[in-house]
């Protein structure tokens, strides 16, 4: 086992070096955090054990511990403190350290703590392997499809999840980039951590602090300002305590040409980009998805073969979100089965919209005695319906933040 030791106290550093060496560890010891950081960055030294003294004066010892654990969750991380000040060690454990040691160094104590930490790490590894297996099953359930292009996209998501780098999700509106972002997070080593949305106007510093060792998701990066994208780039290039997943609704090349996407940001994310194909390129997936949506909406209804064929013949410019909306409309007009007549009726309205006719703006009727919560729920639901499930457009129409829309959808159980 390779061990990295940072301790400004020469006596305890030497004692700890001897104790670890007697247990078969290859030890590199340093007096400062800066030296420890350089050693951690060294290409020829990848330690599986870090012991960091929390009273190291230069830099941030706790930051180094957190960074080492975030970069490789398999690493053992131990805090080192004086026996008279154990509170910092307890705080370090709360922030992810496996255990702590104290001065003066006791070889038996080092052996005991190291053995316990190894057992804890093995249990964590078993739990993590189980979590990832479940996340893979959830991926197929949350993003169903059998077409070759969709299977390839899911494989790209899994590969991106294995890396620590931030990710760019590309695809037309309605291609389930928000679900893909959540699935990617859960598949990653950060999957047990927090997943949160971020939008322009929020503090990235605060968001990364609140989502340490988790994932932040930004939708529609092309709609944000150049200044915000510069801040985002600085965080992506900085210490990787938080991972960013960024989505874009248009071809990045078009966004670059139109100066809606910062070139440096596009270049940084280019190596870890996942494209989600539109529904018209997912041959055979429309009937499968339609039956899945119908089962979720109305378990007692079935879809006839003729109705499935009618759905498959449409090109779905609004992609999966539009298909879900069409199935919802058809289910409301059907009893035992959803047949081709109902589907053609629903698709007639879809085709009319596709040919450029302006959709009728829905009206929300309010009566005296209606609660504000019920009025708000109906208003958001109708606006989502008008925006064909596009949450960003819904937020713009209602003059609310995107984060508020997501919170309200969750609060009211609105499925769009």
Protein backbone atom coordinates (compact mmCIF):
# COMPACT_ATOMS: atom_id res chain seq x y z
CA UNK A 1 0.00 0.00 0.00
CA UNK A 2 1.28 3.47 -0.95
CA UNK A 3 0.82 6.07 1.77
CA UNK A 4 1.00 9.87 1.62
CA UNK A 5 1.69 11.59 4.95
CA UNK A 6 1.46 15.34 5.65
CA UNK A 7 2.54 16.41 9.14
CA UNK A 8 4.48 19.56 10.14
CA UNK A 9 5.62 17.86 13.36
CA UNK A 10 8.97 16.16 12.58
CA UNK A 11 8.78 13.77 15.54
CA UNK A 12 5.28 12.45 14.90
CA UNK A 13 5.87 12.36 11.13
CA UNK A 14 8.93 10.12 11.58
CA UNK A 15 7.10 7.93 14.11
CA UNK A 16 4.13 7.53 11.80
CA UNK A 17 6.41 6.81 8.85
CA UNK A 18 8.07 3.99 10.83
CA UNK A 19 4.73 2.58 11.98
CA UNK A 20 3.31 2.51 8.44
CA UNK A 21 6.53 1.09 6.98
CA UNK A 22 6.45 -1.75 9.53
CA UNK A 23 3.05 -2.68 8.12
CA UNK A 24 4.40 -2.91 4.58
CA UNK A 25 3.43 0.57 3.40
CA UNK A 26 5.53 2.59 0.98
CA UNK A 27 5.46 6.04 2.60
CA UNK A 28 6.12 9.54 1.33
CA UNK A 29 6.09 12.09 4.15
CA UNK A 30 5.92 15.88 3.86
CA UNK A 31 5.80 18.79 6.27
CA UNK A 32 3.39 20.99 4.29
CA UNK A 33 0.05 20.74 2.52
CA UNK A 34 1.57 22.27 -0.62
CA UNK A 35 4.15 19.46 -0.82
CA UNK A 36 1.40 16.91 -0.22
CA UNK A 37 -0.70 18.39 -3.03
CA UNK A 38 2.25 18.23 -5.43
CA UNK A 39 2.85 14.59 -4.48
CA UNK A 40 -0.84 13.79 -5.02
CA UNK A 41 -0.64 15.40 -8.47
CA UNK A 42 2.51 13.45 -9.34
CA UNK A 43 2.06 10.98 -12.17
CA UNK A 44 4.41 8.43 -10.61
CA UNK A 45 2.71 8.24 -7.20
CA UNK A 46 -0.92 7.23 -6.66
CA UNK A 47 -1.43 6.70 -2.91
CA UNK A 48 -4.19 4.47 -1.58
CA UNK A 49 -3.77 5.88 1.96
CA UNK A 50 -3.56 9.52 3.06
CA UNK A 51 -2.82 10.71 6.59
CA UNK A 52 -3.17 14.49 6.88
CA UNK A 53 -2.44 16.54 10.01
CA UNK A 54 -5.27 19.03 10.49
CA UNK A 55 -2.93 21.56 12.12
CA UNK A 56 -0.76 21.95 9.00
CA UNK A 57 -0.46 25.72 8.70
CA UNK A 58 -0.13 26.23 4.96
CA UNK A 59 -3.12 25.58 2.70
CA UNK A 60 -6.17 23.64 3.82
CA UNK A 61 -5.55 20.14 5.24
CA UNK A 62 -9.29 19.36 5.25
CA UNK A 63 -9.50 20.46 1.62
CA UNK A 64 -6.72 18.03 0.72
CA UNK A 65 -8.50 15.19 2.55
CA UNK A 66 -11.79 15.94 0.80
CA UNK A 67 -10.12 16.27 -2.58
CA UNK A 68 -8.23 12.97 -2.21
CA UNK A 69 -11.44 11.14 -1.30
CA UNK A 70 -13.46 12.80 -4.07
CA UNK A 71 -10.89 11.95 -6.75
CA UNK A 72 -10.81 8.29 -5.72
CA UNK A 73 -13.49 7.06 -3.26
CA UNK A 74 -11.45 3.86 -2.76
CA UNK A 75 -8.68 5.77 -0.97
CA UNK A 76 -8.32 5.48 2.78
CA UNK A 77 -8.19 8.93 4.37
CA UNK A 78 -7.15 9.51 8.00
CA UNK A 79 -7.00 12.78 9.92
CA UNK A 80 -4.14 13.41 12.38
CA UNK A 81 -4.63 15.61 15.47
CA UNK A 82 -3.21 16.23 18.93
CA UNK A 83 -4.83 14.11 21.61
CA UNK A 84 -6.02 17.27 23.36
CA UNK A 85 -8.04 18.50 20.35
CA UNK A 86 -10.20 15.73 18.94
CA UNK A 87 -13.11 17.89 17.72
CA UNK A 88 -11.47 18.71 14.33
CA UNK A 89 -10.98 14.96 13.75
CA UNK A 90 -14.67 14.30 14.40
CA UNK A 91 -15.55 17.04 11.91
CA UNK A 92 -13.16 15.49 9.38
CA UNK A 93 -14.94 12.14 9.70
CA UNK A 94 -18.27 13.91 9.21
CA UNK A 95 -16.87 15.26 5.94
CA UNK A 96 -15.75 11.87 4.66
CA UNK A 97 -12.50 10.84 6.39
CA UNK A 98 -12.47 7.17 7.37
CA UNK A 99 -10.97 7.66 10.84
CA UNK A 100 -8.35 9.63 12.76
CA UNK A 101 -5.04 9.19 14.60
CA UNK A 102 -3.62 11.30 17.41
CA UNK A 103 -0.25 12.39 18.70
CA UNK A 104 1.82 11.00 20.29
CA UNK A 105 1.88 8.19 17.74
CA UNK A 106 1.19 4.68 18.99
CA UNK A 107 2.14 1.87 16.59
CA UNK A 108 -0.60 -0.37 17.99
CA UNK A 109 -3.16 2.39 17.57
CA UNK A 110 -2.03 2.94 13.96
CA UNK A 111 -2.42 -0.79 13.23
CA UNK A 112 -5.86 -0.86 14.87
CA UNK A 113 -7.16 2.19 13.03
CA UNK A 114 -5.74 1.06 9.70
CA UNK A 115 -7.31 -2.40 10.03
CA UNK A 116 -10.70 -0.89 10.92
CA UNK A 117 -10.45 1.58 8.03
CA UNK A 118 -9.69 -1.23 5.57
CA UNK A 119 -12.78 -3.14 6.74
CA UNK A 120 -14.90 0.00 6.45
CA UNK A 121 -13.57 0.64 2.94
CA UNK A 122 -14.36 -2.94 1.89
CA UNK A 123 -17.91 -2.57 3.15
CA UNK A 124 -18.24 0.73 1.33
CA UNK A 125 -16.98 -0.94 -1.86
CA UNK A 126 -19.59 -3.70 -1.54
CA UNK A 127 -22.36 -1.16 -0.93
CA UNK A 128 -21.14 0.93 -3.87
CA UNK A 129 -21.11 -2.09 -6.20
CA UNK A 130 -24.71 -2.85 -5.20
CA UNK A 131 -25.73 0.77 -5.70
CA UNK A 132 -24.20 0.87 -9.21
CA UNK A 133 -25.96 -2.37 -10.19
CA UNK A 134 -29.27 -0.85 -9.13
CA UNK A 135 -28.44 2.39 -10.95
CA UNK A 136 -27.81 0.44 -14.18
CA UNK A 137 -31.21 -1.22 -13.83
CA UNK A 138 -32.79 2.18 -13.14
CA UNK A 139 -31.11 3.60 -16.25
CA UNK A 140 -32.88 1.09 -18.50
CA UNK A 141 -36.14 1.68 -16.66
CA UNK A 142 -35.97 5.49 -16.71
CA UNK A 143 -34.75 5.70 -20.34
CA UNK A 144 -36.32 2.71 -22.14
CA UNK A 145 -35.58 1.90 -25.75
CA UNK A 146 -34.22 -0.86 -27.98
CA UNK A 147 -33.06 0.94 -31.09
CA UNK A 148 -29.32 0.71 -31.86
CA UNK A 149 -28.84 4.48 -31.62
CA UNK A 150 -30.52 4.63 -28.21
CA UNK A 151 -28.54 1.66 -26.87
CA UNK A 152 -25.37 3.39 -28.06
CA UNK A 153 -26.41 6.61 -26.29
CA UNK A 154 -26.99 4.74 -23.02
CA UNK A 155 -23.58 3.09 -23.36
CA UNK A 156 -22.05 6.55 -23.80
CA UNK A 157 -23.83 7.68 -20.62
CA UNK A 158 -22.32 4.78 -18.70
CA UNK A 159 -18.82 5.56 -20.00
CA UNK A 160 -19.22 9.23 -19.09
CA UNK A 161 -20.36 8.22 -15.60
CA UNK A 162 -17.11 6.32 -15.05
CA UNK A 163 -15.01 9.45 -15.53
CA UNK A 164 -14.70 12.34 -13.09
CA UNK A 165 -14.96 15.05 -15.74
CA UNK A 166 -17.96 17.30 -16.28
CA UNK A 167 -20.31 16.27 -19.09
CA UNK A 168 -22.16 17.99 -21.93
CA UNK A 169 -25.50 16.45 -22.95
CA UNK A 170 -26.64 17.39 -26.45
CA UNK A 171 -29.93 16.73 -28.19
CA UNK A 172 -33.10 18.38 -29.41
CA UNK A 173 -35.70 19.63 -26.92
CA UNK A 174 -37.71 16.78 -25.44
CA UNK A 175 -34.97 14.12 -25.66
CA UNK A 176 -35.00 13.53 -21.89
CA UNK A 177 -31.69 15.18 -21.10
CA UNK A 178 -32.85 15.90 -17.55
CA UNK A 179 -33.56 12.20 -16.91
CA UNK A 180 -30.25 11.31 -18.56
CA UNK A 181 -28.39 13.74 -16.28
CA UNK A 182 -29.92 12.16 -13.17
CA UNK A 183 -29.13 8.65 -14.45
CA UNK A 184 -25.54 9.66 -15.19
CA UNK A 185 -25.16 11.04 -11.68
CA UNK A 186 -26.51 7.88 -10.07
CA UNK A 187 -24.19 5.70 -12.15
CA UNK A 188 -21.13 7.72 -11.15
CA UNK A 189 -18.94 7.43 -8.06
CA UNK A 190 -20.82 10.52 -6.79
CA UNK A 191 -24.18 8.75 -7.10
CA UNK A 192 -24.71 8.53 -3.36
CA UNK A 193 -24.25 12.30 -3.12
CA UNK A 194 -26.65 15.12 -3.87
CA UNK A 195 -28.03 15.92 -7.34
CA UNK A 196 -29.29 19.47 -7.79
CA UNK A 197 -30.33 21.86 -10.55
CA UNK A 198 -28.56 25.17 -11.03
CA UNK A 199 -29.68 28.17 -13.07
CA UNK A 200 -28.27 31.57 -13.92
CA UNK A 201 -28.71 34.03 -11.08
CA UNK A 202 -27.81 31.51 -8.40
CA UNK A 203 -24.43 31.55 -6.71
CA UNK A 204 -22.18 28.83 -8.10
CA UNK A 205 -19.94 29.14 -5.03
CA UNK A 206 -22.86 28.42 -2.71
CA UNK A 207 -24.28 25.68 -4.95
CA UNK A 208 -20.97 23.80 -5.10
CA UNK A 209 -20.57 24.14 -1.34
CA UNK A 210 -24.06 22.68 -0.77
CA UNK A 211 -23.47 19.90 -3.32
CA UNK A 212 -19.95 18.87 -2.30
CA UNK A 213 -19.04 15.47 -3.80
CA UNK A 214 -22.34 15.54 -5.71
CA UNK A 215 -23.56 16.77 -9.09
CA UNK A 216 -24.98 20.06 -10.34
CA UNK A 217 -27.09 20.09 -13.52
CA UNK A 218 -27.48 23.16 -15.74
CA UNK A 219 -30.09 23.00 -18.51
CA UNK A 220 -29.95 25.06 -21.72
CA UNK A 221 -26.46 26.46 -21.29
CA UNK A 222 -26.88 28.31 -24.61
CA UNK A 223 -29.54 30.48 -22.96
CA UNK A 224 -27.18 31.76 -20.25
CA UNK A 225 -24.96 34.84 -20.45
CA UNK A 226 -21.27 34.83 -21.37
CA UNK A 227 -20.44 36.03 -17.85
CA UNK A 228 -22.26 33.12 -16.25
CA UNK A 229 -20.59 30.67 -18.63
CA UNK A 230 -17.19 32.08 -17.63
CA UNK A 231 -18.01 31.48 -13.96
CA UNK A 232 -19.16 27.96 -14.81
CA UNK A 233 -15.93 27.28 -16.69
CA UNK A 234 -13.86 28.43 -13.72
CA UNK A 235 -15.68 25.99 -11.44
CA UNK A 236 -15.37 23.13 -13.93
CA UNK A 237 -11.63 23.73 -14.25
CA UNK A 238 -11.19 24.17 -10.49
CA UNK A 239 -11.00 21.53 -7.74
CA UNK A 240 -13.48 18.77 -8.58
CA UNK A 241 -15.49 18.71 -5.37
CA UNK A 242 -18.67 18.99 -7.45
CA UNK A 243 -19.32 17.56 -10.90
CA UNK A 244 -21.23 19.56 -13.50
CA UNK A 245 -23.56 18.17 -16.14
CA UNK A 246 -24.55 20.73 -18.75
CA UNK A 247 -27.20 20.33 -21.45
CA UNK A 248 -27.80 22.18 -24.69
CA UNK A 249 -30.88 22.04 -26.94
CA UNK A 250 -29.08 22.82 -30.20
CA UNK A 251 -25.99 21.66 -32.06
CA UNK A 252 -23.01 23.10 -30.15
CA UNK A 253 -21.49 24.19 -33.48
CA UNK A 254 -24.55 26.35 -34.19
CA UNK A 255 -24.42 27.79 -30.66
CA UNK A 256 -20.73 28.61 -31.11
CA UNK A 257 -21.36 30.26 -34.45
CA UNK A 258 -24.18 32.31 -32.96
CA UNK A 259 -21.99 33.24 -29.97
CA UNK A 260 -24.41 31.62 -27.55
CA UNK A 261 -21.77 29.20 -26.27
CA UNK A 262 -18.38 30.17 -24.88
CA UNK A 263 -15.64 28.56 -27.02
CA UNK A 264 -13.47 27.71 -24.02
CA UNK A 265 -16.42 26.05 -22.29
CA UNK A 266 -17.28 24.04 -25.40
CA UNK A 267 -13.65 22.96 -25.74
CA UNK A 268 -13.45 21.87 -22.09
CA UNK A 269 -16.63 19.78 -22.35
CA UNK A 270 -15.94 18.38 -25.84
CA UNK A 271 -14.02 15.36 -24.54
CA UNK A 272 -16.99 14.22 -22.44
CA UNK A 273 -20.05 14.79 -24.61
CA UNK A 274 -23.08 12.49 -24.86
CA UNK A 275 -25.63 12.95 -27.65
CA UNK A 276 -29.23 11.81 -27.19
CA UNK A 277 -30.79 11.06 -30.61
CA UNK A 278 -34.23 12.42 -31.56
CA UNK A 279 -37.20 10.07 -31.54
CA UNK A 280 -37.44 10.00 -35.35
CA UNK A 281 -34.00 8.34 -35.43
CA UNK A 282 -34.96 5.66 -32.88
CA UNK A 283 -36.54 3.11 -35.19
CA UNK A 284 -39.03 0.89 -33.39
CA UNK A 285 -38.94 2.73 -30.06
CA UNK A 286 -42.17 4.72 -30.49
CA UNK A 287 -44.62 1.82 -29.89
CA UNK A 288 -42.52 0.58 -26.96
CA UNK A 289 -42.47 4.03 -25.36
CA UNK A 290 -46.15 4.66 -26.07
CA UNK A 291 -47.16 1.44 -24.31
CA UNK A 292 -44.87 2.29 -21.40
CA UNK A 293 -46.39 5.79 -21.04
CA UNK A 294 -49.91 4.37 -21.31
CA UNK A 295 -49.19 1.81 -18.61
CA UNK A 296 -47.94 4.58 -16.32
CA UNK A 297 -50.95 6.81 -17.05
CA UNK A 298 -53.80 4.30 -17.26
CA UNK A 299 -52.77 0.74 -16.36
CA UNK A 300 -56.15 -0.62 -17.51
CA UNK A 301 -55.82 0.66 -21.10
CA UNK A 302 -54.09 -1.10 -23.97
CA UNK A 303 -52.78 0.16 -27.31
CA UNK A 304 -53.87 -1.62 -30.48
CA UNK A 305 -51.36 -2.58 -33.17
CA UNK A 306 -53.03 -0.16 -35.62
CA UNK A 307 -52.77 2.69 -33.09
CA UNK A 308 -49.09 1.89 -32.50
CA UNK A 309 -48.47 1.96 -36.26
CA UNK A 310 -50.16 5.38 -36.48
CA UNK A 311 -47.92 6.72 -33.73
CA UNK A 312 -44.82 5.26 -35.37
CA UNK A 313 -45.65 7.02 -38.65
CA UNK A 314 -45.32 10.49 -37.08
CA UNK A 315 -41.91 12.18 -36.92
CA UNK A 316 -42.32 13.69 -33.38
CA UNK A 317 -40.58 17.08 -33.60
CA UNK A 318 -41.17 17.44 -29.83
CA UNK A 319 -39.58 14.02 -29.25
CA UNK A 320 -40.37 11.93 -26.17
CA UNK A 321 -42.10 14.79 -24.35
CA UNK A 322 -44.50 15.24 -27.27
CA UNK A 323 -45.17 11.49 -27.47
CA UNK A 324 -45.98 11.36 -23.76
CA UNK A 325 -48.39 14.29 -24.20
CA UNK A 326 -50.08 12.59 -27.19
CA UNK A 327 -50.52 9.34 -25.25
CA UNK A 328 -51.99 11.30 -22.33
CA UNK A 329 -54.51 12.99 -24.63
CA UNK A 330 -55.42 9.69 -26.29
CA UNK A 331 -55.91 7.96 -22.93
CA UNK A 332 -58.43 10.61 -21.87
CA UNK A 333 -60.51 9.89 -24.99
CA UNK A 334 -60.46 6.09 -24.64
CA UNK A 335 -62.09 3.44 -22.46
CA UNK A 336 -60.78 -0.15 -22.78
CA UNK A 337 -58.32 0.32 -25.63
CA UNK A 338 -56.62 3.16 -27.46
CA UNK A 339 -57.42 2.59 -31.11
CA UNK A 340 -56.25 4.16 -34.38
CA UNK A 341 -59.22 6.56 -34.62
CA UNK A 342 -58.37 8.24 -31.32
CA UNK A 343 -54.68 8.32 -32.18
CA UNK A 344 -55.35 9.91 -35.58
CA UNK A 345 -57.56 12.49 -33.89
CA UNK A 346 -54.78 13.39 -31.45
CA UNK A 347 -52.14 13.31 -34.15
CA UNK A 348 -54.26 15.56 -36.36
CA UNK A 349 -53.79 18.32 -33.79
CA UNK A 350 -50.09 17.42 -33.55
CA UNK A 351 -49.74 17.64 -37.35
CA UNK A 352 -51.52 20.99 -37.35
CA UNK A 353 -49.00 22.35 -34.88
CA UNK A 354 -46.15 20.88 -36.89
CA UNK A 355 -47.38 22.74 -39.99
CA UNK A 356 -47.02 26.02 -38.14
CA UNK A 357 -50.54 26.78 -36.96
CA UNK A 358 -50.50 28.76 -33.79
CA UNK A 359 -51.71 26.60 -30.88
CA UNK A 360 -54.68 27.88 -28.96
CA UNK A 361 -53.59 29.35 -25.65
CA UNK A 362 -55.32 27.42 -22.83
CA UNK A 363 -57.39 29.32 -20.29
CA UNK A 364 -57.37 28.73 -16.55
CA UNK A 365 -60.76 29.49 -14.95
CA UNK A 366 -60.70 30.81 -11.40
CA UNK A 367 -63.70 30.91 -9.10
CA UNK A 368 -64.21 32.60 -5.76
CA UNK A 369 -63.34 30.07 -3.07
CA UNK A 370 -60.55 28.37 -5.05
CA UNK A 371 -57.42 28.04 -2.96
CA UNK A 372 -54.27 29.80 -4.12
CA UNK A 373 -52.43 26.46 -4.15
CA UNK A 374 -55.04 24.91 -6.46
CA UNK A 375 -54.97 27.93 -8.78
CA UNK A 376 -51.17 27.78 -8.90
CA UNK A 377 -51.21 24.04 -9.62
CA UNK A 378 -53.72 24.43 -12.48
CA UNK A 379 -51.84 27.42 -13.92
CA UNK A 380 -48.51 25.60 -13.94
CA UNK A 381 -50.12 22.44 -15.36
CA UNK A 382 -51.81 24.32 -18.20
CA UNK A 383 -48.67 26.29 -18.99
CA UNK A 384 -46.63 23.08 -19.09
CA UNK A 385 -49.21 21.61 -21.45
CA UNK A 386 -49.04 24.71 -23.68
CA UNK A 387 -45.23 24.54 -23.67
CA UNK A 388 -45.40 20.82 -24.55
CA UNK A 389 -43.50 19.87 -21.42
CA UNK A 390 -40.67 22.36 -21.97
CA UNK A 391 -39.84 23.48 -18.42
CA UNK A 392 -37.60 26.34 -19.52
CA UNK A 393 -40.35 27.82 -21.70
CA UNK A 394 -42.85 27.32 -18.86
CA UNK A 395 -40.56 29.23 -16.49
CA UNK A 396 -40.23 32.08 -19.03
CA UNK A 397 -43.99 32.30 -19.61
CA UNK A 398 -44.72 32.39 -15.87
CA UNK A 399 -41.79 34.73 -15.11
CA UNK A 400 -40.37 32.21 -12.62
CA UNK A 401 -36.95 30.64 -12.25
CA UNK A 402 -36.35 27.20 -13.74
CA UNK A 403 -35.52 25.87 -10.28
CA UNK A 404 -38.92 27.09 -8.96
CA UNK A 405 -40.70 25.29 -11.81
CA UNK A 406 -38.94 22.03 -10.98
CA UNK A 407 -39.82 22.43 -7.30
CA UNK A 408 -43.49 23.16 -8.09
CA UNK A 409 -43.76 20.19 -10.48
CA UNK A 410 -42.45 17.97 -7.69
CA UNK A 411 -44.67 19.61 -5.05
CA UNK A 412 -47.88 19.22 -7.07
CA UNK A 413 -47.03 15.85 -8.64
CA UNK A 414 -47.28 17.21 -12.20
CA UNK A 415 -45.92 14.71 -14.74
CA UNK A 416 -44.66 16.45 -17.88
